[in-house]
Every structure is written in structure tokens, then in C-alpha cells.
């Protein structure tokens, strides 16, 4: 499936004002002051999200987010004058607007002036469920054990760094800063420069001890913290090429300084794995129509991947075996940008 790319400035940093021309593009909320208005949505520390950038999982043109309201004391908010405590908003031409004019789907604030806490989340198709004492969560979380080299199947789950508190008397819309609930792993796989034949990587398997990798379907995510709940342990995550494989670039001193522009290395989105102790990788490659597998050495993880972090593993195929030659932890930046180390 071909991915669509959208400029970051159009999708992540948004203004509150909307022209009448823009208003014709999407349904608009009524002028009633109790309808929630969104001023801006951004990513924590300016980090990008793959899901928003390539339109994955979005049913209509533009980015969509879900919003959910509870009372300011964390009790369940039930609108008494119609409307809903959850809604979906879509970004288009510098505005966030509701996706439906159905009054039952509009998030309306209390008309008595009481405040609500508003949570934003992505993808918008997740279902918010109220739970007392700040334990409200999203259902429908899926973390896969099998994907391709571009993590096409795995959705990028986002939650708010803090809930936005607002009421009907607020003169401006609410703003949200979203954070990643998953971690990103990238695999820079090379062959030795003396290996002149074409070698294609067709499969990469992540192998952990004691079922410490986390996967599962139909699970939940806490709105307040982004913690994923109900996942189960596994010792294997498999990435398989969807287009015949990735031709391995030759390892040189220049290439080792960064990601060569002509190479898109395999990456995946995974659940945080705080208990991973030892890790290895199995590579399946094809050369001269012959398939071979190589198992790397096992390494001890000195830092465990956490939500919002980006881990880059460097793997080298030398003809006899494959070795892990490096592992670094980075900030999660754009997928085509230079990696920025965490210091």
C-alpha cells in the first residue's frame, strides 16, 4: 500500500482561527458556546507520528483525533442537555472541526459553568471507557507480533501529556500535546564491503528471553498515562519484507556515520518492554536465489525500550555469520530525519 505524506506544518501545529472558506470543507459546530473547540494539537517535543504523517487508519482526508471528557473531579461526565462526552475532530486548512453535525456526537460542556477534563487520543477509532479515580481507558488496542519492514500493520497510539481543563466560559479552544505510547526500533543492516554480490534481507526476527516482549489484541490503554494493559508475553516478533526484500548496503566508514539517504532500513513499533534482559536477532537473506538464515549473538540490554524512545540496532553480515555491532537510544524524531542522541 502506498503511503501518503503530508507536511508537518499542516498537520501538527494548528491555529484557532478558521475562515468562512475553510468552513465549507467540513461540518462546523453550531455557534453554541458549550460545544468543545480545539485550538491546537502538537506532539511532545516536536516529535512526529507515523500514523498522522502517512494517513494510516484515517477514514477521511486529514488527521482525525478522538476526545473524551470527564468531570474535573474525575467523576463520569454525562451531558444533561444532549450531546456526548466523546467526539471526533478532523484537521483541515488550519482548523480542527467536528466530523459530524449529529447533535448526539457533539462534545458539549456543562452549561452551569463546571469544568471538564478533556483527553485527546489517536487513532480516533479507539473507544473511551469511563473508570473511577482517573482510571478511564481506551479499548481496541492491538500490538502485533508480525509486521513488514515499514510497520504498516501496527498503529501508532497517542495519548495526552496532560488533560486539558476547560469550561463553557473559556474564550479560547483547548490545546493538546500528545505523546507516543509505543517505542520505535530501527535496524541498520549492512554487509561487509568485500561482499560484492547482491544480498537481500527478507525477514528479521527479534528474539527475547523468557517471553518478555509484549503483544496482544483487543487490549486497553490508560488515557492519563498511556500505559498499555492486558498485553501478553512472547519471545518472538517477526518482520517480513513485502516487496522482495531490502538490498543490503555495504558497510563503510561513511555509511556508519549515519543513515544513507538511498536506504530505508527496517523499523517497527513495539510495546514498551521493561523486562527484556537478553536479545538476539535472526536474519533471513537471499543471494543468488539461495536463502540462508543467520542468528546473531545474544546481547544484554543495558537500557530497556520505553514509550516514546527510539532504539537503533546496527547489524552486520560478514558472510559467515551476523553480528550486532551497536545499539543506541535516540529521541523519536521524524522517520526521515537525522537521529538525535539522548544525552
Protein backbone atom coordinates (compact mmCIF):
# COMPACT_ATOMS: atom_id res chain seq x y z
CA UNK A 1 0.00 0.00 0.00
CA UNK A 2 1.43 3.35 -0.99
CA UNK A 3 1.84 5.75 1.89
CA UNK A 4 0.77 9.37 1.67
CA UNK A 5 2.98 12.07 3.15
CA UNK A 6 1.65 15.36 4.48
CA UNK A 7 3.67 18.44 5.51
CA UNK A 8 4.27 18.53 9.23
CA UNK A 9 3.32 22.21 9.43
CA UNK A 10 -0.13 21.44 8.07
CA UNK A 11 -0.88 18.60 10.42
CA UNK A 12 0.73 19.14 13.78
CA UNK A 13 0.75 22.88 14.52
CA UNK A 14 -2.69 24.31 14.11
CA UNK A 15 -4.30 27.72 14.51
CA UNK A 16 -7.57 28.50 16.19
CA UNK A 17 -8.96 30.82 13.50
CA UNK A 18 -10.98 29.47 10.57
CA UNK A 19 -12.09 31.40 7.53
CA UNK A 20 -15.54 31.10 6.02
CA UNK A 21 -13.93 29.44 3.00
CA UNK A 22 -12.39 26.77 5.23
CA UNK A 23 -15.70 26.29 7.00
CA UNK A 24 -17.25 24.91 3.83
CA UNK A 25 -14.85 21.96 3.79
CA UNK A 26 -16.03 20.23 6.97
CA UNK A 27 -19.15 20.26 9.11
CA UNK A 28 -18.95 23.06 11.67
CA UNK A 29 -20.22 23.02 15.25
CA UNK A 30 -23.03 25.39 15.99
CA UNK A 31 -22.30 28.79 17.50
CA UNK A 32 -23.44 27.48 20.88
CA UNK A 33 -20.67 28.20 23.40
CA UNK A 34 -20.99 24.77 25.01
CA UNK A 35 -19.56 22.89 22.01
CA UNK A 36 -15.91 21.99 22.60
CA UNK A 37 -13.46 23.84 20.38
CA UNK A 38 -9.86 22.76 19.73
CA UNK A 39 -7.20 25.42 19.18
CA UNK A 40 -4.15 23.26 18.53
CA UNK A 41 -2.69 19.76 18.63
CA UNK A 42 1.03 19.05 18.72
CA UNK A 43 3.48 16.29 19.55
CA UNK A 44 5.60 16.21 22.68
CA UNK A 45 8.99 17.86 21.98
CA UNK A 46 8.02 18.27 18.33
CA UNK A 47 8.19 14.55 17.61
CA UNK A 48 6.31 13.23 14.59
CA UNK A 49 3.84 10.40 14.45
CA UNK A 50 3.92 7.94 11.60
CA UNK A 51 0.17 7.44 11.81
CA UNK A 52 -0.67 11.11 11.35
CA UNK A 53 2.02 11.73 8.74
CA UNK A 54 1.10 8.94 6.32
CA UNK A 55 -2.69 8.96 6.86
CA UNK A 56 -2.67 5.36 8.13
CA UNK A 57 -6.01 4.40 9.64
CA UNK A 58 -7.67 7.71 8.81
CA UNK A 59 -11.01 7.24 7.11
CA UNK A 60 -11.28 10.68 5.50
CA UNK A 61 -8.82 13.25 4.22
CA UNK A 62 -6.89 14.94 7.03
CA UNK A 63 -5.89 13.94 10.52
CA UNK A 64 -8.57 12.84 12.98
CA UNK A 65 -8.29 12.63 16.75
CA UNK A 66 -10.74 11.48 19.40
CA UNK A 67 -11.59 13.50 22.51
CA UNK A 68 -13.19 12.35 25.76
CA UNK A 69 -14.43 14.35 28.75
CA UNK A 70 -14.75 13.60 32.46
CA UNK A 71 -15.70 15.97 35.26
CA UNK A 72 -12.85 17.91 36.84
CA UNK A 73 -13.09 15.69 39.94
CA UNK A 74 -12.66 12.58 37.72
CA UNK A 75 -16.29 11.52 38.08
CA UNK A 76 -18.11 10.46 34.93
CA UNK A 77 -19.36 13.35 32.81
CA UNK A 78 -22.86 12.82 31.42
CA UNK A 79 -24.20 15.82 29.46
CA UNK A 80 -27.65 16.74 30.74
CA UNK A 81 -28.63 18.81 27.71
CA UNK A 82 -27.87 16.44 24.87
CA UNK A 83 -24.61 15.68 23.18
CA UNK A 84 -21.87 13.26 24.14
CA UNK A 85 -18.85 13.03 26.41
CA UNK A 86 -16.76 11.86 23.43
CA UNK A 87 -16.35 13.11 19.87
CA UNK A 88 -14.10 13.01 16.80
CA UNK A 89 -12.40 16.09 15.34
CA UNK A 90 -10.67 16.45 11.97
CA UNK A 91 -7.95 18.88 10.93
CA UNK A 92 -8.31 20.72 7.65
CA UNK A 93 -6.88 24.04 6.45
CA UNK A 94 -5.65 25.23 9.84
CA UNK A 95 -8.78 24.21 11.77
CA UNK A 96 -9.97 21.37 13.96
CA UNK A 97 -13.69 20.74 13.48
CA UNK A 98 -16.18 18.05 14.39
CA UNK A 99 -16.63 15.32 11.78
CA UNK A 100 -20.38 15.09 12.23
CA UNK A 101 -23.20 17.56 12.83
CA UNK A 102 -25.23 14.86 14.56
CA UNK A 103 -26.05 16.54 17.87
CA UNK A 104 -25.67 13.27 19.74
CA UNK A 105 -21.99 13.14 18.68
CA UNK A 106 -21.01 16.67 19.74
CA UNK A 107 -18.97 17.05 22.91
CA UNK A 108 -20.90 19.68 24.84
CA UNK A 109 -19.55 21.28 28.01
CA UNK A 110 -21.68 21.75 31.16
CA UNK A 111 -23.92 24.81 30.83
CA UNK A 112 -23.67 25.52 34.57
CA UNK A 113 -20.03 26.59 34.21
CA UNK A 114 -18.49 23.50 35.79
CA UNK A 115 -15.15 22.43 34.33
CA UNK A 116 -14.29 19.23 32.49
CA UNK A 117 -11.03 17.43 31.87
CA UNK A 118 -10.62 16.70 28.16
CA UNK A 119 -8.39 13.89 26.89
CA UNK A 120 -7.27 13.66 23.26
CA UNK A 121 -6.12 10.42 21.67
CA UNK A 122 -5.12 8.81 18.37
CA UNK A 123 -6.35 6.89 16.40
CA UNK A 124 -9.82 8.35 16.70
CA UNK A 125 -11.46 4.93 16.29
CA UNK A 126 -10.45 3.80 19.79
CA UNK A 127 -13.33 3.60 22.28
CA UNK A 128 -13.08 5.52 25.59
CA UNK A 129 -14.44 3.78 28.68
CA UNK A 130 -15.04 5.52 31.99
CA UNK A 131 -13.40 4.21 35.13
CA UNK A 132 -13.40 5.91 38.52
CA UNK A 133 -10.42 7.59 40.20
CA UNK A 134 -8.78 8.69 36.96
CA UNK A 135 -8.64 5.19 35.53
CA UNK A 136 -10.54 5.85 32.28
CA UNK A 137 -9.08 3.95 29.36
CA UNK A 138 -9.27 3.31 25.62
CA UNK A 139 -10.30 -0.09 24.31
CA UNK A 140 -9.33 -1.63 20.98
CA UNK A 141 -5.53 -1.60 21.40
CA UNK A 142 -3.67 -4.09 19.19
CA UNK A 143 0.08 -4.73 19.36
CA UNK A 144 1.13 -7.16 16.65
CA UNK A 145 3.75 -9.92 16.64
CA UNK A 146 4.13 -9.91 12.84
CA UNK A 147 4.61 -6.92 10.55
CA UNK A 148 6.53 -5.75 7.48
CA UNK A 149 9.71 -3.66 7.26
CA UNK A 150 7.72 -0.38 7.45
CA UNK A 151 5.49 -1.32 10.38
CA UNK A 152 2.44 -0.98 8.15
CA UNK A 153 0.15 -3.07 10.35
CA UNK A 154 1.00 -1.53 13.71
CA UNK A 155 -0.90 1.66 14.53
CA UNK A 156 0.80 4.48 16.38
CA UNK A 157 -1.04 5.07 19.67
CA UNK A 158 -1.02 8.57 21.15
CA UNK A 159 -2.26 9.95 24.46
CA UNK A 160 -2.17 13.46 26.00
CA UNK A 161 0.74 14.58 28.14
CA UNK A 162 -1.88 16.23 30.39
CA UNK A 163 -5.63 16.56 30.17
CA UNK A 164 -6.93 19.98 29.11
CA UNK A 165 -9.26 21.59 31.66
CA UNK A 166 -11.95 23.90 30.28
CA UNK A 167 -15.49 25.14 30.79
CA UNK A 168 -18.22 26.97 28.90
CA UNK A 169 -16.81 30.36 29.94
CA UNK A 170 -13.42 29.77 28.32
CA UNK A 171 -12.88 32.25 25.50
CA UNK A 172 -10.44 30.08 23.56
CA UNK A 173 -10.27 26.48 22.43
CA UNK A 174 -8.28 23.80 24.20
CA UNK A 175 -4.77 22.72 23.17
CA UNK A 176 -3.29 19.25 23.39
CA UNK A 177 0.24 17.85 23.41
CA UNK A 178 0.28 14.17 22.50
CA UNK A 179 2.85 11.52 23.41
CA UNK A 180 3.73 8.11 21.99
CA UNK A 181 2.56 5.04 23.89
CA UNK A 182 4.84 2.76 21.81
CA UNK A 183 8.57 2.61 21.17
CA UNK A 184 10.30 2.56 17.79
CA UNK A 185 13.05 0.11 16.80
CA UNK A 186 15.19 0.62 13.68
CA UNK A 187 17.57 -1.98 12.26
CA UNK A 188 20.55 -0.73 10.25
CA UNK A 189 21.59 -3.94 8.48
CA UNK A 190 24.80 -3.98 6.40
CA UNK A 191 27.02 -6.44 4.58
CA UNK A 192 30.82 -6.23 4.58
CA UNK A 193 32.19 -4.11 1.75
CA UNK A 194 34.12 -7.11 0.36
CA UNK A 195 30.84 -8.92 -0.31
CA UNK A 196 30.12 -7.68 -3.84
CA UNK A 197 27.13 -9.90 -4.64
CA UNK A 198 23.61 -8.59 -4.08
CA UNK A 199 22.17 -9.79 -0.79
CA UNK A 200 18.56 -9.09 0.09
CA UNK A 201 17.13 -9.16 3.58
CA UNK A 202 13.70 -10.81 3.50
CA UNK A 203 12.97 -11.42 7.18
CA UNK A 204 14.17 -10.12 10.54
CA UNK A 205 13.14 -11.73 13.80
CA UNK A 206 13.51 -10.17 17.25
CA UNK A 207 14.21 -12.87 19.84
CA UNK A 208 13.98 -12.22 23.58
CA UNK A 209 14.34 -14.48 26.59
CA UNK A 210 11.53 -15.51 28.96
CA UNK A 211 8.64 -14.13 26.86
CA UNK A 212 9.50 -10.54 27.76
CA UNK A 213 8.26 -8.94 24.52
CA UNK A 214 4.69 -7.65 24.76
CA UNK A 215 1.87 -8.22 22.21
CA UNK A 216 -1.89 -8.67 22.22
CA UNK A 217 -5.19 -7.76 20.56
CA UNK A 218 -8.28 -6.11 21.99
CA UNK A 219 -6.32 -4.62 24.90
CA UNK A 220 -6.56 -1.24 26.64
CA UNK A 221 -4.56 1.96 27.20
CA UNK A 222 -4.92 4.33 30.16
CA UNK A 223 -5.83 7.83 28.99
CA UNK A 224 -3.92 9.51 31.81
CA UNK A 225 -0.57 7.77 31.30
CA UNK A 226 -0.60 5.85 28.01
CA UNK A 227 0.17 2.62 29.88
CA UNK A 228 -0.86 -0.43 27.85
CA UNK A 229 -2.81 -3.01 29.81
CA UNK A 230 -3.53 -6.69 29.27
CA UNK A 231 -0.68 -7.47 26.86
CA UNK A 232 0.83 -10.95 26.91
CA UNK A 233 4.43 -12.05 26.75
CA UNK A 234 6.15 -13.54 23.71
CA UNK A 235 9.73 -14.34 22.80
CA UNK A 236 9.46 -13.53 19.08
CA UNK A 237 8.45 -10.61 16.85
CA UNK A 238 8.78 -11.16 13.10
CA UNK A 239 9.27 -8.53 10.39
CA UNK A 240 8.94 -9.77 6.80
CA UNK A 241 9.65 -7.84 3.60
CA UNK A 242 6.58 -7.16 1.48
CA UNK A 243 8.39 -6.29 -1.76
CA UNK A 244 11.04 -8.92 -2.39
CA UNK A 245 13.48 -7.80 0.27
CA UNK A 246 15.89 -4.98 1.08
CA UNK A 247 19.24 -4.95 -0.72
CA UNK A 248 21.89 -4.68 1.98
CA UNK A 249 24.21 -1.67 1.64
CA UNK A 250 27.94 -2.20 2.10
CA UNK A 251 29.41 -1.20 5.43
CA UNK A 252 31.85 1.69 5.12
CA UNK A 253 33.13 4.33 7.48
CA UNK A 254 30.99 6.95 5.73
CA UNK A 255 27.80 4.90 5.97
CA UNK A 256 28.43 4.16 9.62
CA UNK A 257 28.19 7.88 10.35
CA UNK A 258 24.50 7.91 9.53
CA UNK A 259 21.61 6.51 7.58
CA UNK A 260 22.45 6.51 3.85
CA UNK A 261 19.82 8.53 2.02
CA UNK A 262 19.19 5.78 -0.53
CA UNK A 263 18.47 3.11 2.08
CA UNK A 264 15.28 2.78 4.09
CA UNK A 265 16.09 0.41 6.91
CA UNK A 266 13.51 -1.86 8.55
CA UNK A 267 11.73 -0.44 11.56
CA UNK A 268 8.86 -1.43 13.80
CA UNK A 269 6.66 -0.02 16.53
CA UNK A 270 6.56 -2.12 19.69
CA UNK A 271 5.07 -2.02 23.15
CA UNK A 272 7.40 -0.89 25.94
CA UNK A 273 9.35 -3.89 27.24
CA UNK A 274 10.80 -3.11 30.67
CA UNK A 275 11.70 -6.73 31.43
CA UNK A 276 13.74 -7.58 28.33
CA UNK A 277 17.11 -8.80 29.58
CA UNK A 278 18.81 -10.54 26.65
CA UNK A 279 18.14 -10.02 22.96
CA UNK A 280 19.26 -11.52 19.65
CA UNK A 281 18.16 -11.33 16.01
CA UNK A 282 17.74 -13.84 13.23
CA UNK A 283 18.20 -12.60 9.66
CA UNK A 284 16.89 -14.36 6.58
CA UNK A 285 18.60 -13.31 3.35
CA UNK A 286 18.56 -14.31 -0.30
CA UNK A 287 21.63 -14.26 -2.55
CA UNK A 288 21.92 -15.90 -5.96
CA UNK A 289 18.44 -17.34 -5.40
CA UNK A 290 19.66 -19.15 -2.29
CA UNK A 291 18.05 -18.49 1.09
CA UNK A 292 20.13 -18.50 4.26
CA UNK A 293 19.48 -17.63 7.90
CA UNK A 294 21.93 -16.06 10.36
CA UNK A 295 21.49 -15.81 14.11
CA UNK A 296 23.35 -13.01 15.88
CA UNK A 297 25.00 -13.26 19.24
CA UNK A 298 22.90 -12.57 22.31
CA UNK A 299 23.40 -9.19 23.96
CA UNK A 300 22.42 -7.98 27.40
CA UNK A 301 20.12 -4.97 27.30
CA UNK A 302 21.57 -2.16 29.39
CA UNK A 303 18.57 0.09 28.74
CA UNK A 304 15.05 -1.15 28.09
CA UNK A 305 12.90 0.39 25.40
CA UNK A 306 10.32 2.74 26.82
CA UNK A 307 7.38 4.58 25.31
CA UNK A 308 8.43 7.46 23.07
CA UNK A 309 12.03 6.25 22.70
CA UNK A 310 13.79 5.14 19.52
CA UNK A 311 16.35 2.34 19.61
CA UNK A 312 18.70 1.76 16.67
CA UNK A 313 20.46 -1.59 16.29
CA UNK A 314 23.35 -1.96 13.85
CA UNK A 315 23.71 -5.47 12.39
CA UNK A 316 26.50 -6.62 10.06
CA UNK A 317 26.51 -9.70 7.84
CA UNK A 318 30.06 -10.90 7.19
CA UNK A 319 29.38 -14.00 5.10
CA UNK A 320 29.89 -16.47 7.93
CA UNK A 321 27.51 -15.01 10.48
CA UNK A 322 25.67 -11.88 11.54
CA UNK A 323 26.76 -9.76 14.46
CA UNK A 324 25.24 -6.95 16.49
CA UNK A 325 27.84 -4.19 16.25
CA UNK A 326 25.97 -1.44 18.04
CA UNK A 327 22.85 -0.27 19.84
CA UNK A 328 21.91 3.34 20.56
CA UNK A 329 18.99 5.08 22.18
CA UNK A 330 17.60 8.17 20.46
CA UNK A 331 14.77 10.61 20.66
CA UNK A 332 11.83 9.62 18.49
CA UNK A 333 12.05 12.12 15.66
CA UNK A 334 10.70 12.05 12.11
CA UNK A 335 11.31 8.84 10.21
CA UNK A 336 13.34 10.59 7.51
CA UNK A 337 15.25 12.95 9.77
CA UNK A 338 18.70 12.63 11.31
CA UNK A 339 18.70 10.75 14.60
CA UNK A 340 19.32 12.92 17.67
CA UNK A 341 21.00 11.07 20.55
CA UNK A 342 19.64 11.38 24.07
CA UNK A 343 22.32 12.87 26.31
